[in-house]
């Protein structure tokens, strides 16, 4: 029967994945239930009994910001728009922190009309790699002198905020008086100190949700 076949598949996967930071899952699409193995629970610090049998995007385990991306990846794969299902997202551990994982899965059974009725896959712990990747990405968007965002990040933010639900937006642009004179008279180290002081004033007077950027040279741009 399908149930015995699923149990046998799960047992084989359990043996293969023992000792690795990988969990397996088996989704029966028609009843929307998911079987998850012991390794899946170990990724997050849960026992098998504590694991949900809901699809992950309908559970309380997933970070709310990651739900649209995961559902889009799943829909694209099931509709044939994408050749594979692979997506990274965050799950809540038993200690309450968010951990990055990578999902990979394939449809193993279809009905006569070609609709998927079963999908199996693995969930891999990628938290350390993803944290390092995000840290390096963050560094690439920071001005090394002031610690403010740079022009590349400003342009990225503008593209991402170009949507109705992000409105209203305001932009402040300005420049720092006397920077060239300071550099020419007292040297670039003094000019850098002046830039740092300016950045500290901006951080102290703007909100945490505002995007502070050093546009270049003595110019700054702020997205509110």
Foldseek 3Di string as FASTA:
>chain_A
DVVVVVVVVQVVVCVVCPPAQKKKWKAQPVVQFIQIDQSVLVNQVHGSVPDGRHDPLPDPFFDVVCSVVQVVLVVCCQVVVDVWRKDWGWTAHPVGDTFIKIKGKDQDDADPVRHGRMMMIMIGGCRVVVVVVVVVVLVVQADVLQRAGEQVVVVVVVVVCPDDVNDDKDKDKDFDPPLVVCCVPVNVVSSSVVSNVVSVVCVVPDDPPKHWYQHDDGMIMIMD
